[in-house]
Amino acid sequence: MGAINALPIFYSDRMVADIDSFSPSAGKPREVMKSWRRLRIPLRVIVPKPASADELCLAHERSYVEDILACRASNGFGNKSPEVADTLPWTSGAMLSAAREAIDNGFVAVAPCSGFHHATYSAGAGFCTFNGLMVTVAVLLREGSAARVGILDCDTHYGDGTDDIRSKLCLAGKVPHYTTGGKWYYPKQAKMFLDKLPSIVESFSGCDVLLYQAGADPHVNDPLGGWLTTAQLAERDQIVFETARRVGLPIAWNLAGGYQTPLGRVLRIHSNTLRACARSFISAS
């Protein structure tokens, strides 16, 4: 079946903003990369191509995109920070670059960023400003790189913004979307969820690429989550990657959620996701 020698990671410091917020997502890419580099997993770090304003407008109302980039409208953090605005083309661009790379190599690529799935067609919410998942979908479909793109959203919250954009753009038939938020809540559901997960991933097997949000906030100790243990989250990720590999489904994944403090608790969850990815896709890993 083949494998790759290093995990392609699309990262730039331009994806990072230092702001004071309950959500660590604006600054998390830099901290994640620091922790990942200590794991001795072979990584190929690539600077992503930022998404253009026109590409962002494929998934969002143009006036909204222009107002956000010009800091005339509040972003998903509820402020008009130029620092946040400057990162947004880069975070969506990282997701898009990862998806293109996964399609090209036939296996996997990573965008170490979050803050996507609550952003709707014309508004930001829940620490999400632009929906990089749907920006990626819209660009891939427009350029012909993919005819069908799946989204597996394992954040603990419902991907309402993703469904809003799918509906606005009439893409439900081309973009199957499974969001665990709204379906799975309680620790007693964990075994059932993990048992069903292989079939959930297999349901995307007709897609050209799967976008996977590897959320950290379902953790039992997360203030906004509360139903999977550390071991169960690691098992979740292993199932997703191994099933995708088995059915020949390229997968581009990003981070999502995670509100525990100190941040090191969240970083450990994201490191477990990277380990699971390496076990599934790197030669002799």
C-alpha atoms as a PDB file:
ATOM      1  CA  MET A   1       0.000   0.000   0.000  1.00  0.00           C
ATOM      2  CA  GLY A   2       3.007   2.331   0.259  1.00  0.00           C
ATOM      3  CA  ALA A   3       3.678   5.060   2.798  1.00  0.00           C
ATOM      4  CA  ILE A   4       5.370   8.427   3.171  1.00  0.00           C
ATOM      5  CA  ASN A   5       8.667   9.262   4.851  1.00  0.00           C
ATOM      6  CA  ALA A   6       7.546  12.386   6.748  1.00  0.00           C
ATOM      7  CA  LEU A   7       4.278  14.083   7.602  1.00  0.00           C
ATOM      8  CA  PRO A   8       3.652  17.224   5.518  1.00  0.00           C
ATOM      9  CA  ILE A   9       2.767  20.078   7.895  1.00  0.00           C
ATOM     10  CA  PHE A  10       1.635  23.434   6.479  1.00  0.00           C
ATOM     11  CA  TYR A  11       2.752  26.083   8.914  1.00  0.00           C
ATOM     12  CA  SER A  12       3.961  29.678   9.063  1.00  0.00           C
ATOM     13  CA  ASP A  13       4.333  32.083  11.972  1.00  0.00           C
ATOM     14  CA  ARG A  14       1.937  34.275  10.010  1.00  0.00           C
ATOM     15  CA  MET A  15      -0.840  31.900  11.149  1.00  0.00           C
ATOM     16  CA  VAL A  16      -0.342  33.136  14.732  1.00  0.00           C
ATOM     17  CA  ALA A  17      -1.900  36.086  16.570  1.00  0.00           C
ATOM     18  CA  ASP A  18      -1.224  36.922  20.206  1.00  0.00           C
ATOM     19  CA  ILE A  19      -4.543  38.012  21.721  1.00  0.00           C
ATOM     20  CA  ASP A  20      -6.201  37.643  25.096  1.00  0.00           C
ATOM     21  CA  SER A  21      -9.115  35.224  24.712  1.00  0.00           C
ATOM     22  CA  PHE A  22     -10.798  32.276  26.402  1.00  0.00           C
ATOM     23  CA  SER A  23      -9.966  30.336  23.227  1.00  0.00           C
ATOM     24  CA  PRO A  24      -6.249  29.700  22.643  1.00  0.00           C
ATOM     25  CA  SER A  25      -6.758  29.054  18.926  1.00  0.00           C
ATOM     26  CA  ALA A  26      -5.173  32.259  17.611  1.00  0.00           C
ATOM     27  CA  GLY A  27      -1.833  31.501  19.253  1.00  0.00           C
ATOM     28  CA  LYS A  28      -2.036  27.708  19.328  1.00  0.00           C
ATOM     29  CA  PRO A  29      -0.360  26.878  15.986  1.00  0.00           C
ATOM     30  CA  ARG A  30       3.016  28.130  17.218  1.00  0.00           C
ATOM     31  CA  GLU A  31       2.772  26.208  20.504  1.00  0.00           C
ATOM     32  CA  VAL A  32       1.615  23.055  18.731  1.00  0.00           C
ATOM     33  CA  MET A  33       4.577  23.192  16.379  1.00  0.00           C
ATOM     34  CA  LYS A  34       6.978  23.603  19.298  1.00  0.00           C
ATOM     35  CA  SER A  35       5.540  20.527  20.988  1.00  0.00           C
ATOM     36  CA  TRP A  36       5.426  18.466  17.779  1.00  0.00           C
ATOM     37  CA  ARG A  37       9.051  19.175  16.967  1.00  0.00           C
ATOM     38  CA  ARG A  38      10.018  17.563  20.280  1.00  0.00           C
ATOM     39  CA  LEU A  39       8.327  14.258  19.397  1.00  0.00           C
ATOM     40  CA  ARG A  40      11.030  13.028  16.991  1.00  0.00           C
ATOM     41  CA  ILE A  41       8.407  12.251  14.370  1.00  0.00           C
ATOM     42  CA  PRO A  42       9.645  12.991  10.837  1.00  0.00           C
ATOM     43  CA  LEU A  43       7.975  16.221   9.711  1.00  0.00           C
ATOM     44  CA  ARG A  44       8.186  18.111   6.439  1.00  0.00           C
ATOM     45  CA  VAL A  45       7.213  21.678   7.336  1.00  0.00           C
ATOM     46  CA  ILE A  46       5.969  23.687   4.363  1.00  0.00           C
ATOM     47  CA  VAL A  47       4.917  27.329   4.259  1.00  0.00           C
ATOM     48  CA  PRO A  48       1.292  27.390   3.051  1.00  0.00           C
ATOM     49  CA  LYS A  49       0.037  29.627   0.286  1.00  0.00           C
ATOM     50  CA  PRO A  50      -2.376  32.133   1.860  1.00  0.00           C
ATOM     51  CA  ALA A  51      -5.948  32.078   0.598  1.00  0.00           C
ATOM     52  CA  SER A  52      -6.746  35.082  -1.573  1.00  0.00           C
ATOM     53  CA  ALA A  53      -9.707  37.343  -0.913  1.00  0.00           C
ATOM     54  CA  ASP A  54     -11.378  35.906  -4.007  1.00  0.00           C
ATOM     55  CA  GLU A  55     -10.911  32.371  -2.675  1.00  0.00           C
ATOM     56  CA  LEU A  56     -12.370  33.359   0.698  1.00  0.00           C
ATOM     57  CA  CYS A  57     -15.341  34.823  -1.182  1.00  0.00           C
ATOM     58  CA  LEU A  58     -16.115  31.449  -2.731  1.00  0.00           C
ATOM     59  CA  ALA A  59     -17.405  30.403   0.709  1.00  0.00           C
ATOM     60  CA  HIS A  60     -18.360  33.757   2.238  1.00  0.00           C
ATOM     61  CA  GLU A  61     -20.276  36.882   1.333  1.00  0.00           C
ATOM     62  CA  ARG A  62     -17.868  39.332  -0.312  1.00  0.00           C
ATOM     63  CA  SER A  63     -18.855  42.293   1.846  1.00  0.00           C
ATOM     64  CA  TYR A  64     -18.194  40.212   4.971  1.00  0.00           C
ATOM     65  CA  VAL A  65     -14.761  39.133   3.730  1.00  0.00           C
ATOM     66  CA  GLU A  66     -13.787  42.678   2.830  1.00  0.00           C
ATOM     67  CA  ASP A  67     -15.021  44.092   6.146  1.00  0.00           C
ATOM     68  CA  ILE A  68     -13.150  41.474   8.167  1.00  0.00           C
ATOM     69  CA  LEU A  69      -9.864  41.920   6.313  1.00  0.00           C
ATOM     70  CA  ALA A  70     -10.174  45.706   6.640  1.00  0.00           C
ATOM     71  CA  CYS A  71     -11.027  45.364  10.363  1.00  0.00           C
ATOM     72  CA  ARG A  72     -14.393  47.069   9.884  1.00  0.00           C
ATOM     73  CA  ALA A  73     -16.353  44.103  11.266  1.00  0.00           C
ATOM     74  CA  SER A  74     -15.884  42.004  14.399  1.00  0.00           C
ATOM     75  CA  ASN A  75     -14.128  38.702  13.928  1.00  0.00           C
ATOM     76  CA  GLY A  76     -15.043  35.401  15.599  1.00  0.00           C
ATOM     77  CA  PHE A  77     -13.321  36.524  18.787  1.00  0.00           C
ATOM     78  CA  GLY A  78     -15.649  39.538  19.002  1.00  0.00           C
ATOM     79  CA  ASN A  79     -12.968  42.136  18.251  1.00  0.00           C
ATOM     80  CA  LYS A  80     -11.508  43.940  15.236  1.00  0.00           C
ATOM     81  CA  SER A  81      -7.896  43.019  15.841  1.00  0.00           C
ATOM     82  CA  PRO A  82      -5.584  43.646  12.863  1.00  0.00           C
ATOM     83  CA  GLU A  83      -3.376  40.849  14.197  1.00  0.00           C
ATOM     84  CA  VAL A  84      -6.222  38.352  13.847  1.00  0.00           C
ATOM     85  CA  ALA A  85      -7.203  39.691  10.423  1.00  0.00           C
ATOM     86  CA  ASP A  86      -3.650  39.212   9.171  1.00  0.00           C
ATOM     87  CA  THR A  87      -3.664  35.521  10.132  1.00  0.00           C
ATOM     88  CA  LEU A  88      -6.927  34.586   8.449  1.00  0.00           C
ATOM     89  CA  PRO A  89      -5.723  34.122   4.850  1.00  0.00           C
ATOM     90  CA  TRP A  90      -2.917  31.970   6.238  1.00  0.00           C
ATOM     91  CA  THR A  91      -5.051  29.644   8.377  1.00  0.00           C
ATOM     92  CA  SER A  92      -7.550  28.991   5.583  1.00  0.00           C
ATOM     93  CA  GLY A  93      -4.617  28.753   3.186  1.00  0.00           C
ATOM     94  CA  ALA A  94      -2.980  26.121   5.391  1.00  0.00           C
ATOM     95  CA  MET A  95      -6.121  23.980   5.261  1.00  0.00           C
ATOM     96  CA  LEU A  96      -6.366  24.376   1.495  1.00  0.00           C
ATOM     97  CA  SER A  97      -2.668  23.624   1.015  1.00  0.00           C
ATOM     98  CA  ALA A  98      -2.963  20.509   3.184  1.00  0.00           C
ATOM     99  CA  ALA A  99      -5.941  19.248   1.195  1.00  0.00           C
ATOM    100  CA  ARG A 100      -4.124  19.733  -2.109  1.00  0.00           C
ATOM    101  CA  GLU A 101      -1.070  17.922  -0.735  1.00  0.00           C
ATOM    102  CA  ALA A 102      -3.139  15.002   0.571  1.00  0.00           C
ATOM    103  CA  ILE A 103      -4.757  14.621  -2.847  1.00  0.00           C
ATOM    104  CA  ASP A 104      -1.349  14.760  -4.527  1.00  0.00           C
ATOM    105  CA  ASN A 105       0.452  12.298  -2.231  1.00  0.00           C
ATOM    106  CA  GLY A 106      -2.584  10.061  -1.803  1.00  0.00           C
ATOM    107  CA  PHE A 107      -2.180   9.793   1.963  1.00  0.00           C
ATOM    108  CA  VAL A 108      -2.239  12.691   4.410  1.00  0.00           C
ATOM    109  CA  ALA A 109      -1.290  16.283   5.224  1.00  0.00           C
ATOM    110  CA  VAL A 110      -1.749  18.539   8.246  1.00  0.00           C
ATOM    111  CA  ALA A 111      -2.826  22.129   8.929  1.00  0.00           C
ATOM    112  CA  PRO A 112      -2.021  22.874  12.600  1.00  0.00           C
ATOM    113  CA  CYS A 113      -4.741  25.498  13.037  1.00  0.00           C
ATOM    114  CA  SER A 114      -8.361  25.772  14.151  1.00  0.00           C
ATOM    115  CA  GLY A 115     -11.211  28.250  14.307  1.00  0.00           C
ATOM    116  CA  PHE A 116     -13.361  27.245  11.321  1.00  0.00           C
ATOM    117  CA  HIS A 117     -16.645  25.439  11.783  1.00  0.00           C
ATOM    118  CA  HIS A 118     -18.851  28.083  13.458  1.00  0.00           C
ATOM    119  CA  ALA A 119     -18.177  30.684  10.760  1.00  0.00           C
ATOM    120  CA  THR A 120     -21.269  31.012   8.562  1.00  0.00           C
ATOM    121  CA  TYR A 121     -21.652  32.449   5.073  1.00  0.00           C
ATOM    122  CA  SER A 122     -21.850  36.028   6.336  1.00  0.00           C
ATOM    123  CA  ALA A 123     -20.802  36.066  10.003  1.00  0.00           C
ATOM    124  CA  GLY A 124     -18.250  34.795  12.476  1.00  0.00           C
ATOM    125  CA  ALA A 125     -19.042  33.124  15.790  1.00  0.00           C
ATOM    126  CA  GLY A 126     -17.547  30.931  18.480  1.00  0.00           C
ATOM    127  CA  PHE A 127     -13.928  32.016  17.870  1.00  0.00           C
ATOM    128  CA  CYS A 128     -14.327  31.220  14.141  1.00  0.00           C
ATOM    129  CA  THR A 129     -14.109  33.995  11.517  1.00  0.00           C
ATOM    130  CA  PHE A 130     -13.669  32.304   8.140  1.00  0.00           C
ATOM    131  CA  ASN A 131     -14.676  28.690   7.587  1.00  0.00           C
ATOM    132  CA  GLY A 132     -11.428  27.264   6.254  1.00  0.00           C
ATOM    133  CA  LEU A 133     -13.111  23.896   5.736  1.00  0.00           C
ATOM    134  CA  MET A 134     -15.642  25.322   3.317  1.00  0.00           C
ATOM    135  CA  VAL A 135     -13.126  27.682   1.723  1.00  0.00           C
ATOM    136  CA  THR A 136     -11.064  24.590   0.964  1.00  0.00           C
ATOM    137  CA  VAL A 137     -14.087  22.734  -0.372  1.00  0.00           C
ATOM    138  CA  ALA A 138     -15.165  25.623  -2.610  1.00  0.00           C
ATOM    139  CA  VAL A 139     -11.696  26.137  -4.074  1.00  0.00           C
ATOM    140  CA  LEU A 140     -11.090  22.442  -4.732  1.00  0.00           C
ATOM    141  CA  LEU A 141     -14.431  22.103  -6.474  1.00  0.00           C
ATOM    142  CA  ARG A 142     -13.934  25.297  -8.495  1.00  0.00           C
ATOM    143  CA  GLU A 143     -10.435  24.395  -9.686  1.00  0.00           C
ATOM    144  CA  GLY A 144     -11.398  20.788 -10.436  1.00  0.00           C
ATOM    145  CA  SER A 145      -8.948  19.222  -7.969  1.00  0.00           C
ATOM    146  CA  ALA A 146     -11.854  17.309  -6.423  1.00  0.00           C
ATOM    147  CA  ALA A 147     -15.408  16.457  -7.361  1.00  0.00           C
ATOM    148  CA  ARG A 148     -16.479  15.355  -3.892  1.00  0.00           C
ATOM    149  CA  VAL A 149     -14.995  16.450  -0.549  1.00  0.00           C
ATOM    150  CA  GLY A 150     -15.942  14.964   2.816  1.00  0.00           C
ATOM    151  CA  ILE A 151     -15.848  16.686   6.190  1.00  0.00           C
ATOM    152  CA  LEU A 152     -15.543  14.687   9.419  1.00  0.00           C
ATOM    153  CA  ASP A 153     -15.855  17.153  12.283  1.00  0.00           C
ATOM    154  CA  CYS A 154     -14.902  15.669  15.647  1.00  0.00           C
ATOM    155  CA  ASP A 155     -15.064  18.882  17.633  1.00  0.00           C
ATOM    156  CA  THR A 156     -17.447  18.530  20.557  1.00  0.00           C
ATOM    157  CA  HIS A 157     -19.710  21.233  19.085  1.00  0.00           C
ATOM    158  CA  TYR A 158     -22.017  21.095  16.075  1.00  0.00           C
ATOM    159  CA  GLY A 159     -20.465  22.482  12.884  1.00  0.00           C
ATOM    160  CA  ASP A 160     -23.339  24.879  12.284  1.00  0.00           C
ATOM    161  CA  GLY A 161     -21.361  27.293  10.130  1.00  0.00           C
ATOM    162  CA  THR A 162     -20.291  24.481   7.826  1.00  0.00           C
ATOM    163  CA  ASP A 163     -23.887  23.396   7.301  1.00  0.00           C
ATOM    164  CA  ASP A 164     -24.956  27.012   6.726  1.00  0.00           C
ATOM    165  CA  ILE A 165     -22.432  27.438   3.904  1.00  0.00           C
ATOM    166  CA  ARG A 166     -23.190  24.015   2.396  1.00  0.00           C
ATOM    167  CA  SER A 167     -26.826  25.064   2.246  1.00  0.00           C
ATOM    168  CA  LYS A 168     -26.134  28.553   0.851  1.00  0.00           C
ATOM    169  CA  LEU A 169     -23.920  27.138  -1.895  1.00  0.00           C
ATOM    170  CA  CYS A 170     -26.164  24.104  -2.566  1.00  0.00           C
ATOM    171  CA  LEU A 171     -23.246  21.743  -1.975  1.00  0.00           C
ATOM    172  CA  ALA A 172     -24.783  19.099   0.278  1.00  0.00           C
ATOM    173  CA  GLY A 173     -24.664  16.524  -2.531  1.00  0.00           C
ATOM    174  CA  LYS A 174     -20.967  17.105  -3.169  1.00  0.00           C
ATOM    175  CA  VAL A 175     -19.884  17.652   0.424  1.00  0.00           C
ATOM    176  CA  PRO A 176     -20.962  14.935   2.882  1.00  0.00           C
ATOM    177  CA  HIS A 177     -20.587  16.287   6.412  1.00  0.00           C
ATOM    178  CA  TYR A 178     -20.568  14.346   9.667  1.00  0.00           C
ATOM    179  CA  THR A 179     -20.340  16.407  12.830  1.00  0.00           C
ATOM    180  CA  THR A 180     -20.144  14.642  16.170  1.00  0.00           C
ATOM    181  CA  GLY A 181     -21.475  17.742  17.944  1.00  0.00           C
ATOM    182  CA  GLY A 182     -25.188  17.343  18.442  1.00  0.00           C
ATOM    183  CA  LYS A 183     -24.967  13.537  18.307  1.00  0.00           C
ATOM    184  CA  TRP A 184     -22.535  12.474  21.019  1.00  0.00           C
ATOM    185  CA  TYR A 185     -22.442  13.989  24.508  1.00  0.00           C
ATOM    186  CA  TYR A 186     -21.908  11.512  27.337  1.00  0.00           C
ATOM    187  CA  PRO A 187     -19.126   9.203  28.562  1.00  0.00           C
ATOM    188  CA  LYS A 188     -21.547   6.276  28.404  1.00  0.00           C
ATOM    189  CA  GLN A 189     -21.726   6.809  24.610  1.00  0.00           C
ATOM    190  CA  ALA A 190     -17.965   6.506  24.076  1.00  0.00           C
ATOM    191  CA  LYS A 191     -17.813   2.784  23.264  1.00  0.00           C
ATOM    192  CA  MET A 192     -20.754   3.015  20.881  1.00  0.00           C
ATOM    193  CA  PHE A 193     -19.153   5.979  19.118  1.00  0.00           C
ATOM    194  CA  LEU A 194     -15.789   4.263  18.713  1.00  0.00           C
ATOM    195  CA  ASP A 195     -17.504   1.093  17.464  1.00  0.00           C
ATOM    196  CA  LYS A 196     -19.413   3.091  14.841  1.00  0.00           C
ATOM    197  CA  LEU A 197     -16.490   5.262  13.801  1.00  0.00           C
ATOM    198  CA  PRO A 198     -14.972   2.915  11.175  1.00  0.00           C
ATOM    199  CA  SER A 199     -18.271   2.825   9.283  1.00  0.00           C
ATOM    200  CA  ILE A 200     -18.569   6.609   9.567  1.00  0.00           C
ATOM    201  CA  VAL A 201     -15.155   7.039   7.956  1.00  0.00           C
ATOM    202  CA  GLU A 202     -15.951   4.397   5.336  1.00  0.00           C
ATOM    203  CA  SER A 203     -19.054   6.376   4.353  1.00  0.00           C
ATOM    204  CA  PHE A 204     -16.691   9.021   2.874  1.00  0.00           C
ATOM    205  CA  SER A 205     -14.895   6.515   0.642  1.00  0.00           C
ATOM    206  CA  GLY A 206     -16.336   8.027  -2.548  1.00  0.00           C
ATOM    207  CA  CYS A 207     -14.666  11.354  -1.789  1.00  0.00           C
ATOM    208  CA  ASP A 208     -11.455  12.632  -3.335  1.00  0.00           C
ATOM    209  CA  VAL A 209     -10.266  13.864   0.078  1.00  0.00           C
ATOM    210  CA  LEU A 210     -11.536  13.905   3.660  1.00  0.00           C
ATOM    211  CA  LEU A 211     -11.127  17.007   5.827  1.00  0.00           C
ATOM    212  CA  TYR A 212     -10.833  15.850   9.439  1.00  0.00           C
ATOM    213  CA  GLN A 213     -11.206  18.159  12.438  1.00  0.00           C
ATOM    214  CA  ALA A 214      -9.394  16.402  15.281  1.00  0.00           C
ATOM    215  CA  GLY A 215     -11.032  18.207  18.181  1.00  0.00           C
ATOM    216  CA  ALA A 216      -9.456  18.283  21.634  1.00  0.00           C
ATOM    217  CA  ASP A 217     -12.532  19.646  23.393  1.00  0.00           C
ATOM    218  CA  PRO A 218     -14.424  16.314  23.691  1.00  0.00           C
ATOM    219  CA  HIS A 219     -11.988  15.518  26.508  1.00  0.00           C
ATOM    220  CA  VAL A 220     -13.672  14.691  29.811  1.00  0.00           C
ATOM    221  CA  ASN A 221     -11.829  17.491  31.586  1.00  0.00           C
ATOM    222  CA  ASP A 222     -12.465  20.179  29.002  1.00  0.00           C
ATOM    223  CA  PRO A 223     -14.707  22.987  30.312  1.00  0.00           C
ATOM    224  CA  LEU A 224     -16.678  22.877  27.049  1.00  0.00           C
ATOM    225  CA  GLY A 225     -16.526  19.140  26.401  1.00  0.00           C
ATOM    226  CA  GLY A 226     -16.697  16.165  28.679  1.00  0.00           C
ATOM    227  CA  TRP A 227     -17.215  12.702  27.217  1.00  0.00           C
ATOM    228  CA  LEU A 228     -13.966  11.053  25.963  1.00  0.00           C
ATOM    229  CA  THR A 229     -10.863  10.170  27.977  1.00  0.00           C
ATOM    230  CA  THR A 230      -7.328  10.806  26.741  1.00  0.00           C
ATOM    231  CA  ALA A 231      -7.026   7.164  25.700  1.00  0.00           C
ATOM    232  CA  GLN A 232     -10.382   7.254  23.900  1.00  0.00           C
ATOM    233  CA  LEU A 233      -9.421  10.410  21.989  1.00  0.00           C
ATOM    234  CA  ALA A 234      -6.220   8.692  20.880  1.00  0.00           C
ATOM    235  CA  GLU A 235      -8.233   5.640  19.837  1.00  0.00           C
ATOM    236  CA  ARG A 236     -10.616   7.918  17.904  1.00  0.00           C
ATOM    237  CA  ASP A 237      -7.733   9.355  15.920  1.00  0.00           C
ATOM    238  CA  GLN A 238      -6.151   5.975  15.263  1.00  0.00           C
ATOM    239  CA  ILE A 239      -9.445   4.628  13.943  1.00  0.00           C
ATOM    240  CA  VAL A 240      -9.917   7.609  11.627  1.00  0.00           C
ATOM    241  CA  PHE A 241      -6.414   7.408  10.166  1.00  0.00           C
ATOM    242  CA  GLU A 242      -6.260   3.633   9.887  1.00  0.00           C
ATOM    243  CA  THR A 243      -9.680   3.427   8.250  1.00  0.00           C
ATOM    244  CA  ALA A 244      -8.868   6.203   5.790  1.00  0.00           C
ATOM    245  CA  ARG A 245      -5.614   4.440   4.928  1.00  0.00           C
ATOM    246  CA  ARG A 246      -7.362   1.106   4.479  1.00  0.00           C
ATOM    247  CA  VAL A 247     -10.002   2.443   2.089  1.00  0.00           C
ATOM    248  CA  GLY A 248      -7.519   4.620   0.171  1.00  0.00           C
ATOM    249  CA  LEU A 249      -9.034   7.931   1.259  1.00  0.00           C
ATOM    250  CA  PRO A 250      -6.592  10.884   1.377  1.00  0.00           C
ATOM    251  CA  ILE A 251      -7.041  12.867   4.573  1.00  0.00           C
ATOM    252  CA  ALA A 252      -6.164  16.456   5.457  1.00  0.00           C
ATOM    253  CA  TRP A 253      -6.587  17.224   9.125  1.00  0.00           C
ATOM    254  CA  ASN A 254      -6.546  20.230  11.378  1.00  0.00           C
ATOM    255  CA  LEU A 255      -6.960  21.015  15.057  1.00  0.00           C
ATOM    256  CA  ALA A 256     -10.206  22.012  16.730  1.00  0.00           C
ATOM    257  CA  GLY A 257     -11.335  23.047  20.192  1.00  0.00           C
ATOM    258  CA  GLY A 258      -9.450  22.498  23.410  1.00  0.00           C
ATOM    259  CA  TYR A 259      -9.969  24.902  26.313  1.00  0.00           C
ATOM    260  CA  GLN A 260      -8.222  23.248  29.241  1.00  0.00           C
ATOM    261  CA  THR A 261      -5.612  25.151  31.167  1.00  0.00           C
ATOM    262  CA  PRO A 262      -2.732  25.125  31.230  1.00  0.00           C
ATOM    263  CA  LEU A 263      -2.426  24.828  27.460  1.00  0.00           C
ATOM    264  CA  GLY A 264      -0.049  21.894  27.845  1.00  0.00           C
ATOM    265  CA  ARG A 265      -3.037  19.641  28.518  1.00  0.00           C
ATOM    266  CA  VAL A 266      -4.465  20.506  25.098  1.00  0.00           C
ATOM    267  CA  LEU A 267      -1.082  20.177  23.418  1.00  0.00           C
ATOM    268  CA  ARG A 268      -0.754  16.610  24.735  1.00  0.00           C
ATOM    269  CA  ILE A 269      -4.028  15.688  23.027  1.00  0.00           C
ATOM    270  CA  HIS A 270      -2.855  17.204  19.735  1.00  0.00           C
ATOM    271  CA  SER A 271       0.465  15.375  20.086  1.00  0.00           C
ATOM    272  CA  ASN A 272      -1.405  12.084  20.453  1.00  0.00           C
ATOM    273  CA  THR A 273      -3.216  12.866  17.200  1.00  0.00           C
ATOM    274  CA  LEU A 274       0.116  13.393  15.442  1.00  0.00           C
ATOM    275  CA  ARG A 275       1.445  10.119  16.863  1.00  0.00           C
ATOM    276  CA  ALA A 276      -1.624   8.261  15.576  1.00  0.00           C
ATOM    277  CA  CYS A 277      -1.167   9.851  12.153  1.00  0.00           C
ATOM    278  CA  ALA A 278       2.501   8.849  12.043  1.00  0.00           C
ATOM    279  CA  ARG A 279       1.706   5.257  13.007  1.00  0.00           C
ATOM    280  CA  SER A 280      -0.752   5.000  10.128  1.00  0.00           C
ATOM    281  CA  PHE A 281       1.140   6.763   7.347  1.00  0.00           C
ATOM    282  CA  ILE A 282       4.904   6.919   7.910  1.00  0.00           C
ATOM    283  CA  SER A 283       7.110   4.070   6.720  1.00  0.00           C
ATOM    284  CA  ALA A 284       8.333   1.904   9.608  1.00  0.00           C
ATOM    285  CA  SER A 285       6.716   4.275  12.163  1.00  0.00           C
END
